């Protein structure tokens, strides 16, 4: 059974940094795209970033480009999201997701088969 477990969320002041982790287990992810999505209260779940597990190609939403960095450690089966220069509008529950997803639909949540439980990120002004 596939499990994705996020960690690393918390409360941080604007301009600060956090690193989220997503530990994956239960299958081989070599053909998968792994992604980060977020959902703020009253808003739809939105794409943040994604990475090709095998080749390492990365994709970012315009709103986080230049501030967030996605990476993965194949040996640990873990994906990361380094978030710098955080803004209050980054406040949301962050979810990791995985699936056999290819462009141009990597930004579409329904294309992903597996989801973590989410981790809260709160950025104070």
PDB file of N, CA and C in Angstrom:
ATOM      1  N   UNK A   1       0.857  -1.190   0.000  1.00  0.00           N
ATOM      2  CA  UNK A   1       0.000   0.000   0.000  1.00  0.00           C
ATOM      3  C   UNK A   1       0.887   1.232   0.000  1.00  0.00           C
ATOM      4  N   UNK A   2       0.594   2.160  -0.897  1.00  0.00           N
ATOM      5  CA  UNK A   2       1.396   3.373  -1.009  1.00  0.00           C
ATOM      6  C   UNK A   2       1.060   4.323   0.136  1.00  0.00           C
ATOM      7  N   UNK A   3       2.106   4.849   0.727  1.00  0.00           N
ATOM      8  CA  UNK A   3       1.927   5.857   1.777  1.00  0.00           C
ATOM      9  C   UNK A   3       2.813   7.052   1.482  1.00  0.00           C
ATOM     10  N   UNK A   4       2.240   8.235   1.615  1.00  0.00           N
ATOM     11  CA  UNK A   4       2.997   9.482   1.523  1.00  0.00           C
ATOM     12  C   UNK A   4       2.778  10.229   2.828  1.00  0.00           C
ATOM     13  N   UNK A   5       3.865  10.566   3.494  1.00  0.00           N
ATOM     14  CA  UNK A   5       3.767  11.218   4.801  1.00  0.00           C
ATOM     15  C   UNK A   5       4.563  12.523   4.770  1.00  0.00           C
ATOM     16  N   UNK A   6       3.842  13.634   4.933  1.00  0.00           N
ATOM     17  CA  UNK A   6       4.493  14.940   4.947  1.00  0.00           C
ATOM     18  C   UNK A   6       4.923  15.312   6.358  1.00  0.00           C
ATOM     19  N   UNK A   7       5.939  16.137   6.418  1.00  0.00           N
ATOM     20  CA  UNK A   7       6.370  16.721   7.695  1.00  0.00           C
ATOM     21  C   UNK A   7       7.088  18.030   7.407  1.00  0.00           C
ATOM     22  N   UNK A   8       7.298  18.809   8.461  1.00  0.00           N
ATOM     23  CA  UNK A   8       8.087  20.025   8.320  1.00  0.00           C
ATOM     24  C   UNK A   8       7.304  21.321   8.322  1.00  0.00           C
ATOM     25  N   UNK A   9       5.982  21.232   8.370  1.00  0.00           N
ATOM     26  CA  UNK A   9       5.198  22.451   8.410  1.00  0.00           C
ATOM     27  C   UNK A   9       5.344  23.164   9.743  1.00  0.00           C
ATOM     28  N   UNK A  10       4.792  24.367   9.820  1.00  0.00           N
ATOM     29  CA  UNK A  10       4.862  25.118  11.065  1.00  0.00           C
ATOM     30  C   UNK A  10       4.509  26.567  10.866  1.00  0.00           C
ATOM     31  N   UNK A  11       4.802  27.348  11.895  1.00  0.00           N
ATOM     32  CA  UNK A  11       4.541  28.789  11.886  1.00  0.00           C
ATOM     33  C   UNK A  11       5.861  29.520  11.689  1.00  0.00           C
ATOM     34  N   UNK A  12       5.879  30.447  10.757  1.00  0.00           N
ATOM     35  CA  UNK A  12       7.096  31.195  10.464  1.00  0.00           C
ATOM     36  C   UNK A  12       6.723  32.628  10.122  1.00  0.00           C
ATOM     37  N   UNK A  13       7.628  33.542  10.395  1.00  0.00           N
ATOM     38  CA  UNK A  13       7.383  34.940  10.035  1.00  0.00           C
ATOM     39  C   UNK A  13       7.648  35.158   8.542  1.00  0.00           C
ATOM     40  N   UNK A  14       7.019  36.174   8.003  1.00  0.00           N
ATOM     41  CA  UNK A  14       7.253  36.531   6.609  1.00  0.00           C
ATOM     42  C   UNK A  14       8.745  36.754   6.381  1.00  0.00           C
ATOM     43  N   UNK A  15       9.217  36.226   5.260  1.00  0.00           N
ATOM     44  CA  UNK A  15      10.644  36.297   4.948  1.00  0.00           C
ATOM     45  C   UNK A  15      11.437  35.101   5.419  1.00  0.00           C
ATOM     46  N   UNK A  16      10.807  34.264   6.242  1.00  0.00           N
ATOM     47  CA  UNK A  16      11.486  33.099   6.775  1.00  0.00           C
ATOM     48  C   UNK A  16      11.457  31.922   5.825  1.00  0.00           C
ATOM     49  N   UNK A  17      11.970  30.787   6.328  1.00  0.00           N
ATOM     50  CA  UNK A  17      12.097  29.579   5.513  1.00  0.00           C
ATOM     51  C   UNK A  17      11.554  28.367   6.261  1.00  0.00           C
ATOM     52  N   UNK A  18      11.116  27.399   5.483  1.00  0.00           N
ATOM     53  CA  UNK A  18      10.736  26.086   5.993  1.00  0.00           C
ATOM     54  C   UNK A  18      11.125  25.059   4.945  1.00  0.00           C
ATOM     55  N   UNK A  19      11.372  23.827   5.400  1.00  0.00           N
ATOM     56  CA  UNK A  19      11.586  22.731   4.473  1.00  0.00           C
ATOM     57  C   UNK A  19      10.588  21.626   4.762  1.00  0.00           C
ATOM     58  N   UNK A  20       9.786  21.316   3.768  1.00  0.00           N
ATOM     59  CA  UNK A  20       8.833  20.224   3.881  1.00  0.00           C
ATOM     60  C   UNK A  20       9.456  18.942   3.348  1.00  0.00           C
ATOM     61  N   UNK A  21       9.077  17.839   3.962  1.00  0.00           N
ATOM     62  CA  UNK A  21       9.515  16.522   3.506  1.00  0.00           C
ATOM     63  C   UNK A  21       8.301  15.660   3.204  1.00  0.00           C
ATOM     64  N   UNK A  22       8.455  14.755   2.270  1.00  0.00           N
ATOM     65  CA  UNK A  22       7.410  13.790   1.935  1.00  0.00           C
ATOM     66  C   UNK A  22       8.079  12.430   1.818  1.00  0.00           C
ATOM     67  N   UNK A  23       7.853  11.590   2.804  1.00  0.00           N
ATOM     68  CA  UNK A  23       8.425  10.240   2.805  1.00  0.00           C
ATOM     69  C   UNK A  23       7.457   9.295   2.114  1.00  0.00           C
ATOM     70  N   UNK A  24       7.956   8.595   1.107  1.00  0.00           N
ATOM     71  CA  UNK A  24       7.121   7.717   0.296  1.00  0.00           C
ATOM     72  C   UNK A  24       7.482   6.255   0.528  1.00  0.00           C
ATOM     73  N   UNK A  25       6.479   5.408   0.515  1.00  0.00           N
ATOM     74  CA  UNK A  25       6.714   3.969   0.673  1.00  0.00           C
ATOM     75  C   UNK A  25       5.624   3.188  -0.034  1.00  0.00           C
ATOM     76  N   UNK A  26       5.901   1.919  -0.274  1.00  0.00           N
ATOM     77  CA  UNK A  26       4.866   1.025  -0.791  1.00  0.00           C
ATOM     78  C   UNK A  26       4.960   0.675  -2.249  1.00  0.00           C
ATOM     79  N   UNK A  27       5.815   1.373  -3.012  1.00  0.00           N
ATOM     80  CA  UNK A  27       5.980   1.028  -4.422  1.00  0.00           C
ATOM     81  C   UNK A  27       7.225   1.691  -4.959  1.00  0.00           C
ATOM     82  N   UNK A  28       7.541   1.342  -6.196  1.00  0.00           N
ATOM     83  CA  UNK A  28       8.635   1.989  -6.911  1.00  0.00           C
ATOM     84  C   UNK A  28       8.096   3.235  -7.597  1.00  0.00           C
ATOM     85  N   UNK A  29       8.790   4.344  -7.410  1.00  0.00           N
ATOM     86  CA  UNK A  29       8.307   5.601  -7.958  1.00  0.00           C
ATOM     87  C   UNK A  29       9.073   6.033  -9.197  1.00  0.00           C
ATOM     88  N   UNK A  30       9.840   5.130  -9.788  1.00  0.00           N
ATOM     89  CA  UNK A  30      10.746   5.523 -10.859  1.00  0.00           C
ATOM     90  C   UNK A  30      10.026   6.120 -12.055  1.00  0.00           C
ATOM     91  N   UNK A  31       8.798   5.703 -12.307  1.00  0.00           N
ATOM     92  CA  UNK A  31       8.063   6.225 -13.464  1.00  0.00           C
ATOM     93  C   UNK A  31       7.096   7.328 -13.070  1.00  0.00           C
ATOM     94  N   UNK A  32       7.165   7.763 -11.850  1.00  0.00           N
ATOM     95  CA  UNK A  32       6.185   8.699 -11.316  1.00  0.00           C
ATOM     96  C   UNK A  32       6.666  10.144 -11.359  1.00  0.00           C
ATOM     97  N   UNK A  33       5.687  11.026 -11.349  1.00  0.00           N
ATOM     98  CA  UNK A  33       5.905  12.431 -11.025  1.00  0.00           C
ATOM     99  C   UNK A  33       5.397  12.642  -9.607  1.00  0.00           C
ATOM    100  N   UNK A  34       6.192  13.309  -8.810  1.00  0.00           N
ATOM    101  CA  UNK A  34       5.800  13.647  -7.443  1.00  0.00           C
ATOM    102  C   UNK A  34       5.595  15.154  -7.360  1.00  0.00           C
ATOM    103  N   UNK A  35       4.554  15.543  -6.663  1.00  0.00           N
ATOM    104  CA  UNK A  35       4.239  16.964  -6.638  1.00  0.00           C
ATOM    105  C   UNK A  35       3.861  17.486  -5.274  1.00  0.00           C
ATOM    106  N   UNK A  36       3.896  18.787  -5.165  1.00  0.00           N
ATOM    107  CA  UNK A  36       3.401  19.505  -3.988  1.00  0.00           C
ATOM    108  C   UNK A  36       2.229  20.380  -4.418  1.00  0.00           C
ATOM    109  N   UNK A  37       1.158  20.298  -3.660  1.00  0.00           N
ATOM    110  CA  UNK A  37      -0.006  21.144  -3.847  1.00  0.00           C
ATOM    111  C   UNK A  37      -0.293  21.833  -2.517  1.00  0.00           C
ATOM    112  N   UNK A  38      -1.097  22.887  -2.556  1.00  0.00           N
ATOM    113  CA  UNK A  38      -1.505  23.544  -1.322  1.00  0.00           C
ATOM    114  C   UNK A  38      -2.947  23.991  -1.437  1.00  0.00           C
ATOM    115  N   UNK A  39      -3.562  24.100  -0.259  1.00  0.00           N
ATOM    116  CA  UNK A  39      -4.953  24.528  -0.206  1.00  0.00           C
ATOM    117  C   UNK A  39      -5.157  25.445   0.978  1.00  0.00           C
ATOM    118  N   UNK A  40      -5.558  26.658   0.681  1.00  0.00           N
ATOM    119  CA  UNK A  40      -5.876  27.638   1.714  1.00  0.00           C
ATOM    120  C   UNK A  40      -7.374  27.571   2.008  1.00  0.00           C
ATOM    121  N   UNK A  41      -7.805  28.025   3.184  1.00  0.00           N
ATOM    122  CA  UNK A  41      -9.233  27.976   3.527  1.00  0.00           C
ATOM    123  C   UNK A  41     -10.081  28.689   2.486  1.00  0.00           C
ATOM    124  N   UNK A  42     -11.121  28.015   2.025  1.00  0.00           N
ATOM    125  CA  UNK A  42     -12.042  28.612   1.079  1.00  0.00           C
ATOM    126  C   UNK A  42     -11.550  28.641  -0.353  1.00  0.00           C
ATOM    127  N   UNK A  43     -10.385  28.060  -0.588  1.00  0.00           N
ATOM    128  CA  UNK A  43      -9.819  28.069  -1.941  1.00  0.00           C
ATOM    129  C   UNK A  43      -9.633  26.651  -2.457  1.00  0.00           C
ATOM    130  N   UNK A  44      -9.487  26.540  -3.767  1.00  0.00           N
ATOM    131  CA  UNK A  44      -9.239  25.246  -4.370  1.00  0.00           C
ATOM    132  C   UNK A  44      -7.780  24.838  -4.168  1.00  0.00           C
ATOM    133  N   UNK A  45      -7.568  23.534  -4.241  1.00  0.00           N
ATOM    134  CA  UNK A  45      -6.204  23.022  -4.150  1.00  0.00           C
ATOM    135  C   UNK A  45      -5.432  23.479  -5.385  1.00  0.00           C
ATOM    136  N   UNK A  46      -4.237  24.022  -5.163  1.00  0.00           N
ATOM    137  CA  UNK A  46      -3.472  24.546  -6.279  1.00  0.00           C
ATOM    138  C   UNK A  46      -2.087  23.914  -6.359  1.00  0.00           C
ATOM    139  N   UNK A  47      -1.598  23.826  -7.571  1.00  0.00           N
ATOM    140  CA  UNK A  47      -0.278  23.275  -7.847  1.00  0.00           C
ATOM    141  C   UNK A  47       0.803  24.205  -7.322  1.00  0.00           C
ATOM    142  N   UNK A  48       1.831  23.619  -6.732  1.00  0.00           N
ATOM    143  CA  UNK A  48       2.984  24.388  -6.262  1.00  0.00           C
ATOM    144  C   UNK A  48       4.228  24.006  -7.055  1.00  0.00           C
ATOM    145  N   UNK A  49       4.531  22.710  -7.085  1.00  0.00           N
ATOM    146  CA  UNK A  49       5.754  22.269  -7.728  1.00  0.00           C
ATOM    147  C   UNK A  49       5.681  20.770  -7.980  1.00  0.00           C
ATOM    148  N   UNK A  50       6.485  20.284  -8.919  1.00  0.00           N
ATOM    149  CA  UNK A  50       6.536  18.853  -9.199  1.00  0.00           C
ATOM    150  C   UNK A  50       7.925  18.477  -9.684  1.00  0.00           C
ATOM    151  N   UNK A  51       8.230  17.194  -9.547  1.00  0.00           N
ATOM    152  CA  UNK A  51       9.530  16.680  -9.976  1.00  0.00           C
ATOM    153  C   UNK A  51       9.367  15.294 -10.572  1.00  0.00           C
ATOM    154  N   UNK A  52      10.064  15.057 -11.657  1.00  0.00           N
ATOM    155  CA  UNK A  52      10.114  13.723 -12.237  1.00  0.00           C
ATOM    156  C   UNK A  52      11.036  12.872 -11.390  1.00  0.00           C
ATOM    157  N   UNK A  53      10.496  11.774 -10.843  1.00  0.00           N
ATOM    158  CA  UNK A  53      11.290  10.997  -9.903  1.00  0.00           C
ATOM    159  C   UNK A  53      12.546  10.430 -10.549  1.00  0.00           C
ATOM    160  N   UNK A  54      12.447   9.997 -11.791  1.00  0.00           N
ATOM    161  CA  UNK A  54      13.604   9.363 -12.428  1.00  0.00           C
ATOM    162  C   UNK A  54      14.600  10.389 -12.946  1.00  0.00           C
ATOM    163  N   UNK A  55      14.130  11.327 -13.746  1.00  0.00           N
ATOM    164  CA  UNK A  55      15.045  12.257 -14.388  1.00  0.00           C
ATOM    165  C   UNK A  55      15.317  13.530 -13.636  1.00  0.00           C
ATOM    166  N   UNK A  56      14.458  13.852 -12.681  1.00  0.00           N
ATOM    167  CA  UNK A  56      14.688  15.042 -11.876  1.00  0.00           C
ATOM    168  C   UNK A  56      14.230  16.344 -12.495  1.00  0.00           C
ATOM    169  N   UNK A  57      13.498  16.292 -13.602  1.00  0.00           N
ATOM    170  CA  UNK A  57      12.966  17.539 -14.163  1.00  0.00           C
ATOM    171  C   UNK A  57      12.031  18.187 -13.159  1.00  0.00           C
ATOM    172  N   UNK A  58      12.106  19.501 -13.065  1.00  0.00           N
ATOM    173  CA  UNK A  58      11.303  20.206 -12.067  1.00  0.00           C
ATOM    174  C   UNK A  58      10.369  21.216 -12.712  1.00  0.00           C
ATOM    175  N   UNK A  59       9.269  21.479 -12.014  1.00  0.00           N
ATOM    176  CA  UNK A  59       8.244  22.392 -12.502  1.00  0.00           C
ATOM    177  C   UNK A  59       7.753  23.216 -11.305  1.00  0.00           C
ATOM    178  N   UNK A  60       7.450  24.490 -11.555  1.00  0.00           N
ATOM    179  CA  UNK A  60       7.017  25.375 -10.491  1.00  0.00           C
ATOM    180  C   UNK A  60       5.851  26.246 -10.938  1.00  0.00           C
ATOM    181  N   UNK A  61       4.984  26.543  -9.997  1.00  0.00           N
ATOM    182  CA  UNK A  61       3.986  27.578 -10.219  1.00  0.00           C
ATOM    183  C   UNK A  61       4.687  28.929 -10.261  1.00  0.00           C
ATOM    184  N   UNK A  62       4.154  29.844 -11.039  1.00  0.00           N
ATOM    185  CA  UNK A  62       4.776  31.162 -11.153  1.00  0.00           C
ATOM    186  C   UNK A  62       4.863  31.858  -9.797  1.00  0.00           C
ATOM    187  N   UNK A  63       3.899  31.598  -8.942  1.00  0.00           N
ATOM    188  CA  UNK A  63       3.835  32.286  -7.647  1.00  0.00           C
ATOM    189  C   UNK A  63       4.975  31.899  -6.706  1.00  0.00           C
ATOM    190  N   UNK A  64       5.637  30.756  -6.964  1.00  0.00           N
ATOM    191  CA  UNK A  64       6.696  30.307  -6.067  1.00  0.00           C
ATOM    192  C   UNK A  64       8.057  30.222  -6.753  1.00  0.00           C
ATOM    193  N   UNK A  65       8.085  30.449  -8.050  1.00  0.00           N
ATOM    194  CA  UNK A  65       9.331  30.341  -8.810  1.00  0.00           C
ATOM    195  C   UNK A  65      10.373  31.315  -8.249  1.00  0.00           C
ATOM    196  N   UNK A  66      11.574  30.814  -8.031  1.00  0.00           N
ATOM    197  CA  UNK A  66      12.636  31.640  -7.476  1.00  0.00           C
ATOM    198  C   UNK A  66      12.672  31.658  -5.962  1.00  0.00           C
ATOM    199  N   UNK A  67      11.615  31.177  -5.306  1.00  0.00           N
ATOM    200  CA  UNK A  67      11.577  31.137  -3.833  1.00  0.00           C
ATOM    201  C   UNK A  67      11.570  29.709  -3.305  1.00  0.00           C
ATOM    202  N   UNK A  68      10.923  28.800  -4.022  1.00  0.00           N
ATOM    203  CA  UNK A  68      10.804  27.402  -3.582  1.00  0.00           C
ATOM    204  C   UNK A  68      11.690  26.520  -4.459  1.00  0.00           C
ATOM    205  N   UNK A  69      12.222  25.466  -3.865  1.00  0.00           N
ATOM    206  CA  UNK A  69      13.033  24.496  -4.592  1.00  0.00           C
ATOM    207  C   UNK A  69      12.579  23.089  -4.237  1.00  0.00           C
ATOM    208  N   UNK A  70      12.247  22.313  -5.256  1.00  0.00           N
ATOM    209  CA  UNK A  70      11.839  20.928  -5.053  1.00  0.00           C
ATOM    210  C   UNK A  70      13.035  20.021  -5.334  1.00  0.00           C
ATOM    211  N   UNK A  71      13.123  18.952  -4.578  1.00  0.00           N
ATOM    212  CA  UNK A  71      14.197  17.988  -4.793  1.00  0.00           C
ATOM    213  C   UNK A  71      13.749  16.622  -4.295  1.00  0.00           C
ATOM    214  N   UNK A  72      14.535  15.604  -4.629  1.00  0.00           N
ATOM    215  CA  UNK A  72      14.214  14.272  -4.111  1.00  0.00           C
ATOM    216  C   UNK A  72      15.496  13.510  -3.837  1.00  0.00           C
ATOM    217  N   UNK A  73      15.409  12.626  -2.863  1.00  0.00           N
ATOM    218  CA  UNK A  73      16.511  11.740  -2.505  1.00  0.00           C
ATOM    219  C   UNK A  73      16.029  10.322  -2.798  1.00  0.00           C
ATOM    220  N   UNK A  74      16.519   9.760  -3.888  1.00  0.00           N
ATOM    221  CA  UNK A  74      16.040   8.441  -4.299  1.00  0.00           C
ATOM    222  C   UNK A  74      16.350   7.376  -3.260  1.00  0.00           C
ATOM    223  N   UNK A  75      17.520   7.473  -2.645  1.00  0.00           N
ATOM    224  CA  UNK A  75      17.928   6.460  -1.664  1.00  0.00           C
ATOM    225  C   UNK A  75      16.999   6.446  -0.455  1.00  0.00           C
ATOM    226  N   UNK A  76      16.480   7.619  -0.104  1.00  0.00           N
ATOM    227  CA  UNK A  76      15.591   7.722   1.060  1.00  0.00           C
ATOM    228  C   UNK A  76      14.126   7.706   0.654  1.00  0.00           C
ATOM    229  N   UNK A  77      13.853   7.646  -0.639  1.00  0.00           N
ATOM    230  CA  UNK A  77      12.468   7.696  -1.128  1.00  0.00           C
ATOM    231  C   UNK A  77      11.729   8.898  -0.541  1.00  0.00           C
ATOM    232  N   UNK A  78      12.392  10.020  -0.523  1.00  0.00           N
ATOM    233  CA  UNK A  78      11.843  11.218   0.103  1.00  0.00           C
ATOM    234  C   UNK A  78      11.962  12.403  -0.832  1.00  0.00           C
ATOM    235  N   UNK A  79      10.907  13.203  -0.858  1.00  0.00           N
ATOM    236  CA  UNK A  79      10.869  14.433  -1.642  1.00  0.00           C
ATOM    237  C   UNK A  79      10.867  15.612  -0.681  1.00  0.00           C
ATOM    238  N   UNK A  80      11.446  16.712  -1.123  1.00  0.00           N
ATOM    239  CA  UNK A  80      11.544  17.898  -0.280  1.00  0.00           C
ATOM    240  C   UNK A  80      11.007  19.125  -1.004  1.00  0.00           C
ATOM    241  N   UNK A  81      10.595  20.095  -0.220  1.00  0.00           N
ATOM    242  CA  UNK A  81      10.254  21.411  -0.747  1.00  0.00           C
ATOM    243  C   UNK A  81      10.894  22.440   0.164  1.00  0.00           C
ATOM    244  N   UNK A  82      11.959  23.061  -0.312  1.00  0.00           N
ATOM    245  CA  UNK A  82      12.603  24.133   0.419  1.00  0.00           C
ATOM    246  C   UNK A  82      11.889  25.428   0.080  1.00  0.00           C
ATOM    247  N   UNK A  83      11.355  26.083   1.097  1.00  0.00           N
ATOM    248  CA  UNK A  83      10.568  27.288   0.890  1.00  0.00           C
ATOM    249  C   UNK A  83      11.285  28.458   1.554  1.00  0.00           C
ATOM    250  N   UNK A  84      11.720  29.398   0.743  1.00  0.00           N
ATOM    251  CA  UNK A  84      12.408  30.588   1.234  1.00  0.00           C
ATOM    252  C   UNK A  84      11.576  31.836   0.949  1.00  0.00           C
ATOM    253  N   UNK A  85      11.919  32.921   1.611  1.00  0.00           N
ATOM    254  CA  UNK A  85      11.221  34.201   1.400  1.00  0.00           C
ATOM    255  C   UNK A  85       9.714  34.017   1.475  1.00  0.00           C
ATOM    256  N   UNK A  86       9.271  33.341   2.502  1.00  0.00           N
ATOM    257  CA  UNK A  86       7.848  33.034   2.629  1.00  0.00           C
ATOM    258  C   UNK A  86       7.017  34.292   2.826  1.00  0.00           C
ATOM    259  N   UNK A  87       5.811  34.241   2.273  1.00  0.00           N
ATOM    260  CA  UNK A  87       4.879  35.364   2.324  1.00  0.00           C
ATOM    261  C   UNK A  87       3.599  34.894   3.018  1.00  0.00           C
ATOM    262  N   UNK A  88       2.833  35.829   3.597  1.00  0.00           N
ATOM    263  CA  UNK A  88       1.565  35.423   4.215  1.00  0.00           C
ATOM    264  C   UNK A  88       0.652  34.670   3.248  1.00  0.00           C
ATOM    265  N   UNK A  89       0.700  34.998   1.980  1.00  0.00           N
ATOM    266  CA  UNK A  89      -0.160  34.314   1.007  1.00  0.00           C
ATOM    267  C   UNK A  89       0.280  32.880   0.724  1.00  0.00           C
ATOM    268  N   UNK A  90       1.417  32.465   1.264  1.00  0.00           N
ATOM    269  CA  UNK A  90       1.832  31.061   1.162  1.00  0.00           C
ATOM    270  C   UNK A  90       1.158  30.191   2.228  1.00  0.00           C
ATOM    271  N   UNK A  91       0.440  30.818   3.137  1.00  0.00           N
ATOM    272  CA  UNK A  91      -0.243  30.084   4.196  1.00  0.00           C
ATOM    273  C   UNK A  91      -1.274  29.119   3.613  1.00  0.00           C
ATOM    274  N   UNK A  92      -1.156  27.858   3.969  1.00  0.00           N
ATOM    275  CA  UNK A  92      -2.043  26.825   3.429  1.00  0.00           C
ATOM    276  C   UNK A  92      -1.665  25.476   4.044  1.00  0.00           C
ATOM    277  N   UNK A  93      -2.507  24.490   3.787  1.00  0.00           N
ATOM    278  CA  UNK A  93      -2.117  23.110   4.036  1.00  0.00           C
ATOM    279  C   UNK A  93      -1.406  22.612   2.779  1.00  0.00           C
ATOM    280  N   UNK A  94      -0.228  22.072   2.967  1.00  0.00           N
ATOM    281  CA  UNK A  94       0.576  21.575   1.853  1.00  0.00           C
ATOM    282  C   UNK A  94       0.484  20.059   1.789  1.00  0.00           C
ATOM    283  N   UNK A  95       0.224  19.564   0.583  1.00  0.00           N
ATOM    284  CA  UNK A  95       0.066  18.135   0.353  1.00  0.00           C
ATOM    285  C   UNK A  95       1.113  17.645  -0.639  1.00  0.00           C
ATOM    286  N   UNK A  96       1.645  16.461  -0.402  1.00  0.00           N
ATOM    287  CA  UNK A  96       2.446  15.831  -1.447  1.00  0.00           C
ATOM    288  C   UNK A  96       1.588  14.802  -2.162  1.00  0.00           C
ATOM    289  N   UNK A  97       1.916  14.572  -3.409  1.00  0.00           N
ATOM    290  CA  UNK A  97       1.123  13.686  -4.251  1.00  0.00           C
ATOM    291  C   UNK A  97       2.037  12.966  -5.226  1.00  0.00           C
ATOM    292  N   UNK A  98       1.567  11.816  -5.715  1.00  0.00           N
ATOM    293  CA  UNK A  98       2.347  11.051  -6.669  1.00  0.00           C
ATOM    294  C   UNK A  98       1.459  10.336  -7.663  1.00  0.00           C
ATOM    295  N   UNK A  99       1.998  10.149  -8.865  1.00  0.00           N
ATOM    296  CA  UNK A  99       1.246   9.421  -9.877  1.00  0.00           C
ATOM    297  C   UNK A  99       2.005   9.381 -11.181  1.00  0.00           C
ATOM    298  N   UNK A 100       1.551   8.539 -12.121  1.00  0.00           N
ATOM    299  CA  UNK A 100       2.186   8.443 -13.438  1.00  0.00           C
ATOM    300  C   UNK A 100       1.725   9.601 -14.324  1.00  0.00           C
ATOM    301  N   UNK A 101       2.101  10.788 -13.935  1.00  0.00           N
ATOM    302  CA  UNK A 101       1.591  12.015 -14.541  1.00  0.00           C
ATOM    303  C   UNK A 101       2.639  12.603 -15.472  1.00  0.00           C
ATOM    304  N   UNK A 102       2.188  13.100 -16.610  1.00  0.00           N
ATOM    305  CA  UNK A 102       3.094  13.742 -17.565  1.00  0.00           C
ATOM    306  C   UNK A 102       2.546  15.104 -17.943  1.00  0.00           C
ATOM    307  N   UNK A 103       3.404  15.956 -18.454  1.00  0.00           N
ATOM    308  CA  UNK A 103       2.922  17.222 -18.987  1.00  0.00           C
ATOM    309  C   UNK A 103       1.919  16.924 -20.087  1.00  0.00           C
ATOM    310  N   UNK A 104       0.906  17.796 -20.276  1.00  0.00           N
ATOM    311  CA  UNK A 104       0.748  19.094 -19.638  1.00  0.00           C
ATOM    312  C   UNK A 104      -0.151  19.083 -18.401  1.00  0.00           C
ATOM    313  N   UNK A 105      -0.421  17.889 -17.857  1.00  0.00           N
ATOM    314  CA  UNK A 105      -1.408  17.833 -16.767  1.00  0.00           C
ATOM    315  C   UNK A 105      -0.771  17.703 -15.389  1.00  0.00           C
ATOM    316  N   UNK A 106       0.515  17.980 -15.262  1.00  0.00           N
ATOM    317  CA  UNK A 106       1.144  17.822 -13.948  1.00  0.00           C
ATOM    318  C   UNK A 106       0.621  18.815 -12.928  1.00  0.00           C
ATOM    319  N   UNK A 107      -0.057  19.873 -13.381  1.00  0.00           N
ATOM    320  CA  UNK A 107      -0.595  20.853 -12.449  1.00  0.00           C
ATOM    321  C   UNK A 107      -2.008  20.513 -12.004  1.00  0.00           C
ATOM    322  N   UNK A 108      -2.575  19.411 -12.481  1.00  0.00           N
ATOM    323  CA  UNK A 108      -3.963  19.045 -12.217  1.00  0.00           C
ATOM    324  C   UNK A 108      -4.033  18.033 -11.078  1.00  0.00           C
ATOM    325  N   UNK A 109      -4.619  18.387  -9.952  1.00  0.00           N
ATOM    326  CA  UNK A 109      -4.645  17.481  -8.796  1.00  0.00           C
ATOM    327  C   UNK A 109      -5.274  16.119  -9.098  1.00  0.00           C
ATOM    328  N   UNK A 110      -6.302  16.085  -9.901  1.00  0.00           N
ATOM    329  CA  UNK A 110      -7.013  14.828 -10.149  1.00  0.00           C
ATOM    330  C   UNK A 110      -6.182  13.822 -10.934  1.00  0.00           C
ATOM    331  N   UNK A 111      -5.060  14.244 -11.483  1.00  0.00           N
ATOM    332  CA  UNK A 111      -4.192  13.342 -12.224  1.00  0.00           C
ATOM    333  C   UNK A 111      -3.302  12.498 -11.318  1.00  0.00           C
ATOM    334  N   UNK A 112      -3.255  12.847 -10.046  1.00  0.00           N
ATOM    335  CA  UNK A 112      -2.376  12.147  -9.103  1.00  0.00           C
ATOM    336  C   UNK A 112      -3.151  11.058  -8.365  1.00  0.00           C
ATOM    337  N   UNK A 113      -2.513   9.913  -8.217  1.00  0.00           N
ATOM    338  CA  UNK A 113      -3.183   8.761  -7.598  1.00  0.00           C
ATOM    339  C   UNK A 113      -3.062   8.740  -6.083  1.00  0.00           C
ATOM    340  N   UNK A 114      -1.968   9.235  -5.567  1.00  0.00           N
ATOM    341  CA  UNK A 114      -1.689   9.091  -4.138  1.00  0.00           C
ATOM    342  C   UNK A 114      -1.455  10.455  -3.508  1.00  0.00           C
ATOM    343  N   UNK A 115      -1.931  10.578  -2.267  1.00  0.00           N
ATOM    344  CA  UNK A 115      -1.844  11.842  -1.538  1.00  0.00           C
ATOM    345  C   UNK A 115      -1.427  11.599  -0.093  1.00  0.00           C
ATOM    346  N   UNK A 116      -0.689  12.562   0.435  1.00  0.00           N
ATOM    347  CA  UNK A 116      -0.399  12.561   1.857  1.00  0.00           C
ATOM    348  C   UNK A 116      -1.527  13.217   2.630  1.00  0.00           C
ATOM    349  N   UNK A 117      -1.349  13.272   3.950  1.00  0.00           N
ATOM    350  CA  UNK A 117      -2.399  13.804   4.818  1.00  0.00           C
ATOM    351  C   UNK A 117      -2.346  15.321   4.930  1.00  0.00           C
ATOM    352  N   UNK A 118      -1.257  15.922   4.515  1.00  0.00           N
ATOM    353  CA  UNK A 118      -1.118  17.370   4.550  1.00  0.00           C
ATOM    354  C   UNK A 118      -0.372  17.863   5.773  1.00  0.00           C
ATOM    355  N   UNK A 119       0.287  18.992   5.617  1.00  0.00           N
ATOM    356  CA  UNK A 119       0.978  19.650   6.732  1.00  0.00           C
ATOM    357  C   UNK A 119       0.720  21.146   6.643  1.00  0.00           C
ATOM    358  N   UNK A 120       0.404  21.747   7.778  1.00  0.00           N
ATOM    359  CA  UNK A 120       0.021  23.165   7.811  1.00  0.00           C
ATOM    360  C   UNK A 120       1.258  24.049   7.772  1.00  0.00           C
ATOM    361  N   UNK A 121       1.214  25.040   6.897  1.00  0.00           N
ATOM    362  CA  UNK A 121       2.226  26.092   6.853  1.00  0.00           C
ATOM    363  C   UNK A 121       1.517  27.423   7.094  1.00  0.00           C
ATOM    364  N   UNK A 122       1.960  28.133   8.115  1.00  0.00           N
ATOM    365  CA  UNK A 122       1.368  29.426   8.436  1.00  0.00           C
ATOM    366  C   UNK A 122       2.472  30.477   8.446  1.00  0.00           C
ATOM    367  N   UNK A 123       2.275  31.525   7.645  1.00  0.00           N
ATOM    368  CA  UNK A 123       3.258  32.602   7.545  1.00  0.00           C
ATOM    369  C   UNK A 123       2.628  33.866   8.113  1.00  0.00           C
ATOM    370  N   UNK A 124       3.202  34.384   9.176  1.00  0.00           N
ATOM    371  CA  UNK A 124       2.659  35.582   9.811  1.00  0.00           C
ATOM    372  C   UNK A 124       3.321  36.827   9.228  1.00  0.00           C
ATOM    373  N   UNK A 125       2.540  37.902   9.202  1.00  0.00           N
ATOM    374  CA  UNK A 125       3.056  39.163   8.630  1.00  0.00           C
ATOM    375  C   UNK A 125       3.719  40.016   9.681  1.00  0.00           C
TER     376      UNK A 125
END
